[in-house]
């Protein structure tokens, strides 16, 4: 990787396999609608901070910030995840959405400050896992009962995000346990 190369980066946490199975089961009836293109389960994640396009030369600063902040952040538990679509009239995304989370909001802002990234513009961060994106006009708005009662975020991972013909590919570059 040359220092001049631009990378699309984000920090987040992969969803554990056992939770993926629960989400897959809840989403399966809705994903039969061919208007949805499901994201590969191995890429399902909760984003803590979308860093955006950065030079490969910035990786060290981002990595150092992530190491420092992960060590001082306790494990985060998200609760009451609901499978839903975003956009009531013309859904474009299917998410596992959790209620706003103060700890994840603090992590988001600490990472933004330390990496020179603009934080999200709303006061509280709403965590979600993108399950699928629309490639047409889905038949209906979806909102299910609680699908995932609890999801523990135990680590912080730096991802590279590369667009491709079948959708974006997320590659984990390095991970650090929360709380050191």
N, C-alpha and C. Protein backbone atom coordinates (compact mmCIF):
# COMPACT_ATOMS: atom_id res chain seq x y z
N UNK A 1 0.85 -1.17 0.00
CA UNK A 1 0.00 0.00 0.00
C UNK A 1 0.90 1.24 0.00
N UNK A 2 0.74 2.09 -0.98
CA UNK A 2 1.56 3.29 -1.04
C UNK A 2 0.92 4.37 -0.17
N UNK A 3 1.72 5.27 0.42
CA UNK A 3 1.19 6.34 1.27
C UNK A 3 0.20 7.25 0.54
N UNK A 4 0.30 7.31 -0.80
CA UNK A 4 -0.59 8.18 -1.58
C UNK A 4 -1.94 7.52 -1.85
N UNK A 5 -2.02 6.19 -1.68
CA UNK A 5 -3.25 5.47 -1.96
C UNK A 5 -4.37 5.95 -1.04
N UNK A 6 -5.56 6.17 -1.61
CA UNK A 6 -6.72 6.55 -0.80
C UNK A 6 -7.51 5.31 -0.42
N UNK A 7 -7.93 5.27 0.83
CA UNK A 7 -8.70 4.15 1.35
C UNK A 7 -10.00 4.67 1.93
N UNK A 8 -11.05 3.92 1.77
CA UNK A 8 -12.34 4.24 2.41
C UNK A 8 -12.38 3.40 3.68
N UNK A 9 -12.45 4.06 4.84
CA UNK A 9 -12.28 3.39 6.12
C UNK A 9 -13.45 3.62 7.06
N UNK A 10 -13.67 2.64 7.95
CA UNK A 10 -14.59 2.84 9.07
C UNK A 10 -14.15 1.97 10.24
N UNK A 11 -14.63 2.32 11.42
CA UNK A 11 -14.37 1.56 12.64
C UNK A 11 -15.69 0.99 13.13
N UNK A 12 -15.67 -0.25 13.55
CA UNK A 12 -16.90 -0.87 14.02
C UNK A 12 -16.63 -2.23 14.63
N UNK A 13 -17.70 -3.03 14.72
CA UNK A 13 -17.63 -4.36 15.33
C UNK A 13 -18.40 -5.35 14.46
N UNK A 14 -17.76 -6.47 14.12
CA UNK A 14 -18.46 -7.53 13.38
C UNK A 14 -19.52 -8.17 14.27
N UNK A 15 -20.60 -8.63 13.64
CA UNK A 15 -21.67 -9.31 14.36
C UNK A 15 -21.26 -10.78 14.53
N UNK A 16 -21.31 -11.31 15.77
CA UNK A 16 -20.94 -12.72 15.99
C UNK A 16 -21.84 -13.67 15.20
N UNK A 17 -21.29 -14.82 14.81
CA UNK A 17 -22.01 -15.78 13.96
C UNK A 17 -23.35 -16.22 14.54
N UNK A 18 -23.39 -16.45 15.86
CA UNK A 18 -24.66 -16.92 16.45
C UNK A 18 -25.74 -15.84 16.34
N UNK A 19 -25.36 -14.58 16.39
CA UNK A 19 -26.33 -13.49 16.23
C UNK A 19 -26.72 -13.39 14.75
N UNK A 20 -25.77 -13.63 13.84
CA UNK A 20 -26.09 -13.63 12.40
C UNK A 20 -27.17 -14.66 12.09
N UNK A 21 -27.08 -15.83 12.72
CA UNK A 21 -28.08 -16.88 12.48
C UNK A 21 -29.47 -16.40 12.91
N UNK A 22 -29.56 -15.71 14.02
CA UNK A 22 -30.84 -15.18 14.51
C UNK A 22 -31.39 -14.13 13.54
N UNK A 23 -30.52 -13.25 13.09
CA UNK A 23 -30.95 -12.21 12.15
C UNK A 23 -31.39 -12.84 10.82
N UNK A 24 -30.60 -13.79 10.32
CA UNK A 24 -30.93 -14.46 9.06
C UNK A 24 -32.32 -15.08 9.12
N UNK A 25 -32.62 -15.74 10.23
CA UNK A 25 -33.93 -16.39 10.39
C UNK A 25 -35.06 -15.37 10.35
N UNK A 26 -34.87 -14.24 11.03
CA UNK A 26 -35.91 -13.20 11.04
C UNK A 26 -36.05 -12.52 9.67
N UNK A 27 -34.93 -12.36 8.96
CA UNK A 27 -34.94 -11.63 7.69
C UNK A 27 -35.37 -12.50 6.51
N UNK A 28 -35.21 -13.82 6.61
CA UNK A 28 -35.44 -14.72 5.47
C UNK A 28 -36.77 -14.50 4.75
N UNK A 29 -37.91 -14.40 5.45
CA UNK A 29 -39.16 -14.21 4.72
C UNK A 29 -39.20 -12.91 3.91
N UNK A 30 -38.54 -11.88 4.41
CA UNK A 30 -38.54 -10.58 3.74
C UNK A 30 -37.56 -10.56 2.56
N UNK A 31 -36.47 -11.31 2.69
CA UNK A 31 -35.45 -11.32 1.64
C UNK A 31 -35.86 -12.16 0.43
N UNK A 32 -36.99 -12.86 0.54
CA UNK A 32 -37.51 -13.59 -0.64
C UNK A 32 -37.96 -12.62 -1.72
N UNK A 33 -38.27 -11.39 -1.32
CA UNK A 33 -38.60 -10.33 -2.27
C UNK A 33 -37.32 -10.00 -3.04
N UNK A 34 -37.31 -10.26 -4.33
CA UNK A 34 -36.10 -10.09 -5.14
C UNK A 34 -35.64 -8.64 -5.26
N UNK A 35 -36.41 -7.73 -4.71
CA UNK A 35 -35.99 -6.32 -4.74
C UNK A 35 -34.86 -6.07 -3.75
N UNK A 36 -34.58 -7.02 -2.86
CA UNK A 36 -33.51 -6.86 -1.88
C UNK A 36 -32.25 -7.59 -2.32
N UNK A 37 -31.10 -6.95 -2.09
CA UNK A 37 -29.80 -7.60 -2.26
C UNK A 37 -29.18 -7.69 -0.87
N UNK A 38 -29.15 -8.91 -0.33
CA UNK A 38 -28.62 -9.10 1.03
C UNK A 38 -27.11 -8.92 1.05
N UNK A 39 -26.63 -8.29 2.11
CA UNK A 39 -25.19 -8.18 2.34
C UNK A 39 -24.69 -9.52 2.85
N UNK A 40 -23.47 -9.92 2.50
CA UNK A 40 -22.94 -11.18 3.03
C UNK A 40 -22.84 -11.11 4.56
N UNK A 41 -23.27 -12.17 5.22
CA UNK A 41 -23.26 -12.19 6.69
C UNK A 41 -21.88 -11.93 7.26
N UNK A 42 -20.85 -12.39 6.60
CA UNK A 42 -19.49 -12.21 7.13
C UNK A 42 -19.10 -10.73 7.18
N UNK A 43 -19.93 -9.86 6.57
CA UNK A 43 -19.65 -8.43 6.59
C UNK A 43 -20.62 -7.65 7.47
N UNK A 44 -21.57 -8.31 8.11
CA UNK A 44 -22.51 -7.60 8.97
C UNK A 44 -21.75 -7.02 10.16
N UNK A 45 -21.99 -5.77 10.42
CA UNK A 45 -21.24 -5.06 11.47
C UNK A 45 -22.07 -3.91 12.02
N UNK A 46 -21.65 -3.42 13.18
CA UNK A 46 -22.17 -2.18 13.76
C UNK A 46 -21.07 -1.15 13.59
N UNK A 47 -21.36 -0.07 12.91
CA UNK A 47 -20.37 0.98 12.69
C UNK A 47 -20.27 1.87 13.93
N UNK A 48 -19.06 2.13 14.37
CA UNK A 48 -18.82 3.10 15.45
C UNK A 48 -18.50 4.47 14.85
N UNK A 49 -17.77 4.48 13.73
CA UNK A 49 -17.43 5.73 13.05
C UNK A 49 -17.09 5.45 11.59
N UNK A 50 -17.77 6.13 10.68
CA UNK A 50 -17.38 6.11 9.28
C UNK A 50 -16.31 7.17 9.11
N UNK A 51 -15.10 6.75 8.84
CA UNK A 51 -13.96 7.68 8.71
C UNK A 51 -13.97 8.33 7.33
N UNK A 52 -14.29 7.56 6.29
CA UNK A 52 -14.34 8.08 4.94
C UNK A 52 -13.03 7.87 4.20
N UNK A 53 -12.85 8.63 3.12
CA UNK A 53 -11.66 8.52 2.27
C UNK A 53 -10.46 9.14 2.99
N UNK A 54 -9.42 8.35 3.14
CA UNK A 54 -8.19 8.83 3.76
C UNK A 54 -7.00 8.28 3.02
N UNK A 55 -5.92 8.99 3.10
CA UNK A 55 -4.66 8.53 2.55
C UNK A 55 -4.14 7.37 3.40
N UNK A 56 -3.48 6.42 2.75
CA UNK A 56 -2.86 5.31 3.50
C UNK A 56 -1.88 5.85 4.54
N UNK A 57 -1.33 7.03 4.30
CA UNK A 57 -0.41 7.64 5.26
C UNK A 57 -1.11 7.98 6.58
N UNK A 58 -2.45 8.11 6.56
CA UNK A 58 -3.21 8.43 7.78
C UNK A 58 -3.51 7.20 8.64
N UNK A 59 -3.23 6.01 8.13
CA UNK A 59 -3.56 4.79 8.86
C UNK A 59 -2.96 4.74 10.25
N UNK A 60 -1.73 5.18 10.40
CA UNK A 60 -1.07 5.11 11.71
C UNK A 60 -1.80 5.97 12.75
N UNK A 61 -2.22 7.16 12.37
CA UNK A 61 -2.95 8.05 13.29
C UNK A 61 -4.29 7.41 13.67
N UNK A 62 -4.99 6.87 12.69
CA UNK A 62 -6.29 6.24 12.94
C UNK A 62 -6.10 5.01 13.82
N UNK A 63 -5.11 4.21 13.53
CA UNK A 63 -4.82 3.01 14.31
C UNK A 63 -4.47 3.37 15.75
N UNK A 64 -3.60 4.36 15.95
CA UNK A 64 -3.21 4.76 17.30
C UNK A 64 -4.41 5.27 18.10
N UNK A 65 -5.28 6.04 17.45
CA UNK A 65 -6.49 6.53 18.13
C UNK A 65 -7.39 5.36 18.51
N UNK A 66 -7.56 4.42 17.60
CA UNK A 66 -8.43 3.27 17.87
C UNK A 66 -7.88 2.43 19.03
N UNK A 67 -6.59 2.20 19.06
CA UNK A 67 -5.97 1.43 20.15
C UNK A 67 -6.22 2.11 21.48
N UNK A 68 -5.94 3.41 21.55
CA UNK A 68 -6.07 4.18 22.79
C UNK A 68 -7.53 4.20 23.27
N UNK A 69 -8.44 4.47 22.35
CA UNK A 69 -9.85 4.61 22.73
C UNK A 69 -10.47 3.25 23.06
N UNK A 70 -10.11 2.21 22.32
CA UNK A 70 -10.62 0.87 22.63
C UNK A 70 -10.19 0.46 24.04
N UNK A 71 -8.95 0.74 24.40
CA UNK A 71 -8.45 0.36 25.72
C UNK A 71 -9.20 1.05 26.85
N UNK A 72 -9.73 2.26 26.60
CA UNK A 72 -10.41 3.01 27.66
C UNK A 72 -11.93 2.94 27.56
N UNK A 73 -12.46 2.11 26.66
CA UNK A 73 -13.90 1.97 26.48
C UNK A 73 -14.33 0.59 26.95
N UNK A 74 -15.30 0.57 27.85
CA UNK A 74 -15.83 -0.71 28.35
C UNK A 74 -16.67 -1.39 27.28
N UNK A 75 -16.83 -2.70 27.42
CA UNK A 75 -17.71 -3.47 26.55
C UNK A 75 -19.07 -2.77 26.50
N UNK A 76 -19.66 -2.71 25.31
CA UNK A 76 -20.97 -2.06 25.13
C UNK A 76 -22.01 -3.11 24.80
N UNK A 77 -23.15 -3.04 25.45
CA UNK A 77 -24.25 -3.97 25.18
C UNK A 77 -25.41 -3.22 24.56
N UNK A 78 -25.74 -3.60 23.33
CA UNK A 78 -26.91 -3.04 22.66
C UNK A 78 -28.09 -3.95 22.98
N UNK A 79 -29.28 -3.37 23.12
CA UNK A 79 -30.47 -4.14 23.48
C UNK A 79 -31.62 -3.87 22.52
N UNK A 80 -32.48 -4.88 22.39
CA UNK A 80 -33.76 -4.75 21.69
C UNK A 80 -33.62 -4.40 20.21
N UNK A 81 -32.83 -5.17 19.49
CA UNK A 81 -32.66 -4.98 18.06
C UNK A 81 -33.89 -5.43 17.29
N UNK A 82 -34.38 -4.57 16.41
CA UNK A 82 -35.59 -4.81 15.63
C UNK A 82 -35.23 -4.81 14.15
N UNK A 83 -35.69 -5.83 13.43
CA UNK A 83 -35.50 -5.86 11.99
C UNK A 83 -36.49 -4.88 11.37
N UNK A 84 -36.00 -3.96 10.56
CA UNK A 84 -36.88 -2.96 9.97
C UNK A 84 -36.30 -2.46 8.65
N UNK A 85 -37.13 -1.79 7.88
CA UNK A 85 -36.65 -1.15 6.66
C UNK A 85 -36.61 0.34 6.90
N UNK A 86 -35.71 0.99 6.21
CA UNK A 86 -35.56 2.44 6.33
C UNK A 86 -36.12 3.07 5.07
N UNK A 87 -36.95 4.06 5.30
CA UNK A 87 -37.71 4.71 4.24
C UNK A 87 -39.08 4.05 4.21
N UNK A 88 -40.07 4.69 4.81
CA UNK A 88 -41.39 4.05 4.94
C UNK A 88 -42.09 3.89 3.61
N UNK A 89 -42.02 4.89 2.75
CA UNK A 89 -42.74 4.80 1.47
C UNK A 89 -41.98 4.01 0.43
N UNK A 90 -40.68 4.22 0.33
CA UNK A 90 -39.83 3.48 -0.61
C UNK A 90 -38.61 2.98 0.15
N UNK A 91 -38.74 1.84 0.81
CA UNK A 91 -37.61 1.33 1.60
C UNK A 91 -36.38 1.10 0.73
N UNK A 92 -35.24 1.56 1.21
CA UNK A 92 -33.99 1.37 0.48
C UNK A 92 -32.99 0.51 1.24
N UNK A 93 -33.21 0.34 2.54
CA UNK A 93 -32.29 -0.46 3.35
C UNK A 93 -33.08 -1.29 4.35
N UNK A 94 -32.58 -2.50 4.61
CA UNK A 94 -33.13 -3.33 5.68
C UNK A 94 -32.07 -3.39 6.78
N UNK A 95 -32.46 -3.03 7.97
CA UNK A 95 -31.55 -2.92 9.10
C UNK A 95 -31.99 -3.79 10.25
N UNK A 96 -31.04 -4.14 11.10
CA UNK A 96 -31.32 -4.53 12.47
C UNK A 96 -31.00 -3.26 13.25
N UNK A 97 -32.04 -2.58 13.74
CA UNK A 97 -31.86 -1.28 14.39
C UNK A 97 -32.03 -1.43 15.90
N UNK A 98 -31.12 -0.79 16.63
CA UNK A 98 -31.17 -0.77 18.08
C UNK A 98 -31.55 0.64 18.54
N UNK A 99 -32.11 0.77 19.73
CA UNK A 99 -32.37 2.12 20.25
C UNK A 99 -31.06 2.90 20.40
N UNK A 100 -31.14 4.23 20.39
CA UNK A 100 -29.93 5.04 20.59
C UNK A 100 -29.18 4.58 21.84
N UNK A 101 -27.86 4.66 21.77
CA UNK A 101 -27.02 4.12 22.85
C UNK A 101 -25.99 5.18 23.27
N UNK A 102 -26.06 5.60 24.52
CA UNK A 102 -25.17 6.66 25.02
C UNK A 102 -23.70 6.26 24.94
N UNK A 103 -23.36 5.03 25.30
CA UNK A 103 -21.97 4.58 25.26
C UNK A 103 -21.40 4.55 23.86
N UNK A 104 -22.20 4.10 22.90
CA UNK A 104 -21.74 4.09 21.51
C UNK A 104 -21.62 5.52 20.98
N UNK A 105 -22.51 6.40 21.44
CA UNK A 105 -22.42 7.82 21.06
C UNK A 105 -21.10 8.41 21.56
N UNK A 106 -20.73 8.11 22.81
CA UNK A 106 -19.47 8.60 23.37
C UNK A 106 -18.28 8.04 22.60
N UNK A 107 -18.33 6.75 22.28
CA UNK A 107 -17.25 6.12 21.50
C UNK A 107 -17.15 6.79 20.13
N UNK A 108 -18.27 7.01 19.48
CA UNK A 108 -18.31 7.65 18.17
C UNK A 108 -17.63 9.03 18.21
N UNK A 109 -18.00 9.84 19.19
CA UNK A 109 -17.43 11.20 19.29
C UNK A 109 -15.95 11.18 19.66
N UNK A 110 -15.55 10.27 20.53
CA UNK A 110 -14.12 10.17 20.89
C UNK A 110 -13.29 9.77 19.67
N UNK A 111 -13.79 8.81 18.90
CA UNK A 111 -13.08 8.40 17.69
C UNK A 111 -13.04 9.53 16.66
N UNK A 112 -14.15 10.24 16.50
CA UNK A 112 -14.20 11.35 15.54
C UNK A 112 -13.17 12.41 15.90
N UNK A 113 -13.14 12.81 17.17
CA UNK A 113 -12.17 13.84 17.61
C UNK A 113 -10.74 13.38 17.36
N UNK A 114 -10.45 12.13 17.70
CA UNK A 114 -9.08 11.63 17.61
C UNK A 114 -8.60 11.34 16.19
N UNK A 115 -9.53 11.18 15.27
CA UNK A 115 -9.15 10.87 13.89
C UNK A 115 -9.36 12.05 12.94
N UNK A 116 -9.89 13.17 13.48
CA UNK A 116 -10.15 14.32 12.62
C UNK A 116 -11.31 14.09 11.68
N UNK A 117 -12.29 13.31 12.13
CA UNK A 117 -13.46 12.97 11.32
C UNK A 117 -14.67 13.74 11.83
N UNK A 118 -15.53 14.19 10.94
CA UNK A 118 -16.75 14.88 11.35
C UNK A 118 -17.73 13.85 11.91
N UNK A 119 -18.23 14.06 13.13
CA UNK A 119 -19.19 13.11 13.70
C UNK A 119 -20.56 13.25 13.04
N UNK A 120 -21.45 12.29 13.30
CA UNK A 120 -22.81 12.39 12.77
C UNK A 120 -23.46 13.65 13.34
N UNK A 121 -24.40 14.26 12.62
CA UNK A 121 -24.96 15.54 13.04
C UNK A 121 -26.05 15.45 14.12
N UNK A 122 -26.53 14.26 14.46
CA UNK A 122 -27.57 14.18 15.46
C UNK A 122 -26.96 13.91 16.83
N UNK A 123 -27.67 14.28 17.91
CA UNK A 123 -27.07 14.23 19.25
C UNK A 123 -26.82 12.83 19.80
N UNK A 124 -27.61 11.84 19.38
CA UNK A 124 -27.44 10.48 19.89
C UNK A 124 -27.28 9.53 18.70
N UNK A 125 -26.33 8.65 18.81
CA UNK A 125 -26.00 7.70 17.75
C UNK A 125 -26.94 6.50 17.84
N UNK A 126 -27.58 6.15 16.72
CA UNK A 126 -28.49 5.00 16.66
C UNK A 126 -27.77 3.85 15.96
N UNK A 127 -27.40 2.82 16.70
CA UNK A 127 -26.67 1.70 16.09
C UNK A 127 -27.57 0.83 15.23
N UNK A 128 -26.97 0.28 14.18
CA UNK A 128 -27.71 -0.61 13.28
C UNK A 128 -26.74 -1.53 12.54
N UNK A 129 -27.30 -2.60 12.01
CA UNK A 129 -26.58 -3.52 11.15
C UNK A 129 -27.33 -3.52 9.82
N UNK A 130 -26.63 -3.20 8.73
CA UNK A 130 -27.27 -3.23 7.41
C UNK A 130 -27.33 -4.67 6.93
N UNK A 131 -28.56 -5.16 6.72
CA UNK A 131 -28.79 -6.53 6.30
C UNK A 131 -28.89 -6.62 4.77
N UNK A 132 -29.57 -5.65 4.17
CA UNK A 132 -29.78 -5.67 2.73
C UNK A 132 -30.03 -4.26 2.22
N UNK A 133 -29.81 -4.08 0.93
CA UNK A 133 -30.11 -2.82 0.24
C UNK A 133 -31.09 -3.12 -0.87
N UNK A 134 -31.91 -2.14 -1.19
CA UNK A 134 -32.91 -2.30 -2.23
C UNK A 134 -32.25 -2.20 -3.60
N UNK A 135 -32.65 -3.08 -4.50
CA UNK A 135 -32.20 -2.99 -5.88
C UNK A 135 -33.41 -2.83 -6.79
N UNK A 136 -34.51 -2.43 -6.21
CA UNK A 136 -35.76 -2.23 -6.93
C UNK A 136 -36.74 -1.57 -6.00
N UNK A 137 -37.97 -1.96 -6.06
CA UNK A 137 -38.99 -1.43 -5.17
C UNK A 137 -39.52 -2.56 -4.30
N UNK A 138 -39.02 -2.68 -3.07
CA UNK A 138 -39.51 -3.74 -2.19
C UNK A 138 -41.01 -3.64 -2.00
N UNK A 139 -41.63 -4.78 -1.74
CA UNK A 139 -43.08 -4.85 -1.63
C UNK A 139 -43.66 -4.09 -0.46
N UNK A 140 -42.96 -4.07 0.68
CA UNK A 140 -43.58 -3.49 1.86
C UNK A 140 -42.55 -3.01 2.86
N UNK A 141 -43.00 -2.08 3.68
CA UNK A 141 -42.24 -1.63 4.83
C UNK A 141 -42.22 -2.78 5.83
N UNK A 142 -41.09 -3.00 6.48
CA UNK A 142 -40.94 -4.10 7.45
C UNK A 142 -40.60 -3.50 8.80
N UNK A 143 -41.24 -3.98 9.84
CA UNK A 143 -40.80 -3.71 11.22
C UNK A 143 -41.28 -4.87 12.05
N UNK A 144 -40.34 -5.63 12.60
CA UNK A 144 -40.66 -6.84 13.33
C UNK A 144 -40.62 -6.60 14.84
N UNK A 145 -40.99 -7.62 15.56
CA UNK A 145 -40.82 -7.60 17.01
C UNK A 145 -39.32 -7.64 17.29
N UNK A 146 -38.92 -7.61 18.53
CA UNK A 146 -37.50 -7.67 18.87
C UNK A 146 -36.90 -8.95 18.31
N UNK A 147 -35.88 -8.79 17.50
CA UNK A 147 -35.22 -9.91 16.84
C UNK A 147 -33.98 -10.34 17.63
N UNK A 148 -33.23 -9.36 18.13
CA UNK A 148 -32.01 -9.63 18.89
C UNK A 148 -32.12 -8.90 20.23
N UNK A 149 -32.35 -9.66 21.32
CA UNK A 149 -32.49 -9.01 22.63
C UNK A 149 -31.22 -8.29 23.09
N UNK A 150 -30.04 -8.86 22.75
CA UNK A 150 -28.79 -8.23 23.19
C UNK A 150 -27.67 -8.54 22.21
N UNK A 151 -26.84 -7.54 21.96
CA UNK A 151 -25.65 -7.70 21.12
C UNK A 151 -24.50 -7.01 21.84
N UNK A 152 -23.49 -7.79 22.23
CA UNK A 152 -22.32 -7.25 22.93
C UNK A 152 -21.30 -6.78 21.90
N UNK A 153 -20.85 -5.55 22.05
CA UNK A 153 -19.76 -5.01 21.24
C UNK A 153 -18.50 -5.11 22.10
N UNK A 154 -17.66 -6.09 21.82
CA UNK A 154 -16.51 -6.39 22.66
C UNK A 154 -15.19 -5.96 22.06
N UNK A 155 -15.22 -5.54 20.80
CA UNK A 155 -13.97 -5.12 20.16
C UNK A 155 -14.24 -4.01 19.15
N UNK A 156 -13.19 -3.37 18.76
CA UNK A 156 -13.24 -2.32 17.76
C UNK A 156 -12.35 -2.77 16.62
N UNK A 157 -12.88 -2.73 15.40
CA UNK A 157 -12.14 -3.19 14.23
C UNK A 157 -12.03 -2.05 13.22
N UNK A 158 -10.86 -1.92 12.63
CA UNK A 158 -10.65 -0.98 11.53
C UNK A 158 -10.90 -1.74 10.24
N UNK A 159 -11.83 -1.22 9.42
CA UNK A 159 -12.21 -1.84 8.16
C UNK A 159 -11.85 -0.95 6.99
N UNK A 160 -11.48 -1.61 5.91
CA UNK A 160 -11.35 -0.97 4.60
C UNK A 160 -12.63 -1.33 3.84
N UNK A 161 -13.19 -0.39 3.13
CA UNK A 161 -14.45 -0.59 2.41
C UNK A 161 -14.23 -0.30 0.93
N UNK A 162 -14.41 -1.32 0.09
CA UNK A 162 -14.16 -1.18 -1.34
C UNK A 162 -15.41 -1.52 -2.14
N UNK A 163 -15.91 -0.59 -2.96
CA UNK A 163 -17.07 -0.90 -3.79
C UNK A 163 -16.71 -1.94 -4.85
N UNK A 164 -17.69 -2.79 -5.16
CA UNK A 164 -17.49 -3.81 -6.19
C UNK A 164 -18.79 -4.06 -6.92
N UNK A 165 -18.77 -4.86 -7.98
CA UNK A 165 -19.96 -5.09 -8.79
C UNK A 165 -21.11 -5.77 -8.03
N UNK A 166 -20.78 -6.57 -7.02
CA UNK A 166 -21.81 -7.26 -6.24
C UNK A 166 -22.12 -6.54 -4.93
N UNK A 167 -21.59 -5.34 -4.76
CA UNK A 167 -21.78 -4.58 -3.53
C UNK A 167 -20.44 -4.27 -2.90
N UNK A 168 -20.49 -3.54 -1.83
CA UNK A 168 -19.27 -3.12 -1.14
C UNK A 168 -18.67 -4.28 -0.36
N UNK A 169 -17.34 -4.39 -0.40
CA UNK A 169 -16.62 -5.43 0.33
C UNK A 169 -15.88 -4.76 1.50
N UNK A 170 -16.14 -5.27 2.71
CA UNK A 170 -15.49 -4.75 3.91
C UNK A 170 -14.39 -5.73 4.32
N UNK A 171 -13.19 -5.22 4.47
CA UNK A 171 -12.05 -6.04 4.86
C UNK A 171 -11.55 -5.56 6.22
N UNK A 172 -11.55 -6.46 7.20
CA UNK A 172 -11.03 -6.12 8.53
C UNK A 172 -9.51 -6.02 8.44
N UNK A 173 -8.98 -4.88 8.89
CA UNK A 173 -7.53 -4.67 8.86
C UNK A 173 -6.88 -5.04 10.18
N UNK A 174 -7.55 -4.68 11.30
CA UNK A 174 -7.00 -4.96 12.63
C UNK A 174 -8.10 -4.75 13.66
N UNK A 175 -8.04 -5.50 14.78
CA UNK A 175 -9.05 -5.38 15.83
C UNK A 175 -8.39 -5.24 17.19
N UNK A 176 -9.13 -4.58 18.11
CA UNK A 176 -8.67 -4.38 19.48
C UNK A 176 -9.82 -4.62 20.44
N UNK A 177 -9.57 -5.32 21.52
CA UNK A 177 -10.59 -5.58 22.53
C UNK A 177 -10.96 -4.28 23.23
N UNK A 178 -12.27 -4.07 23.47
CA UNK A 178 -12.69 -2.92 24.28
C UNK A 178 -12.29 -3.21 25.71
N UNK A 179 -11.87 -2.17 26.41
CA UNK A 179 -11.42 -2.33 27.78
C UNK A 179 -10.02 -2.91 27.89
N UNK A 180 -9.27 -2.88 26.79
CA UNK A 180 -7.89 -3.37 26.79
C UNK A 180 -7.85 -4.85 26.66
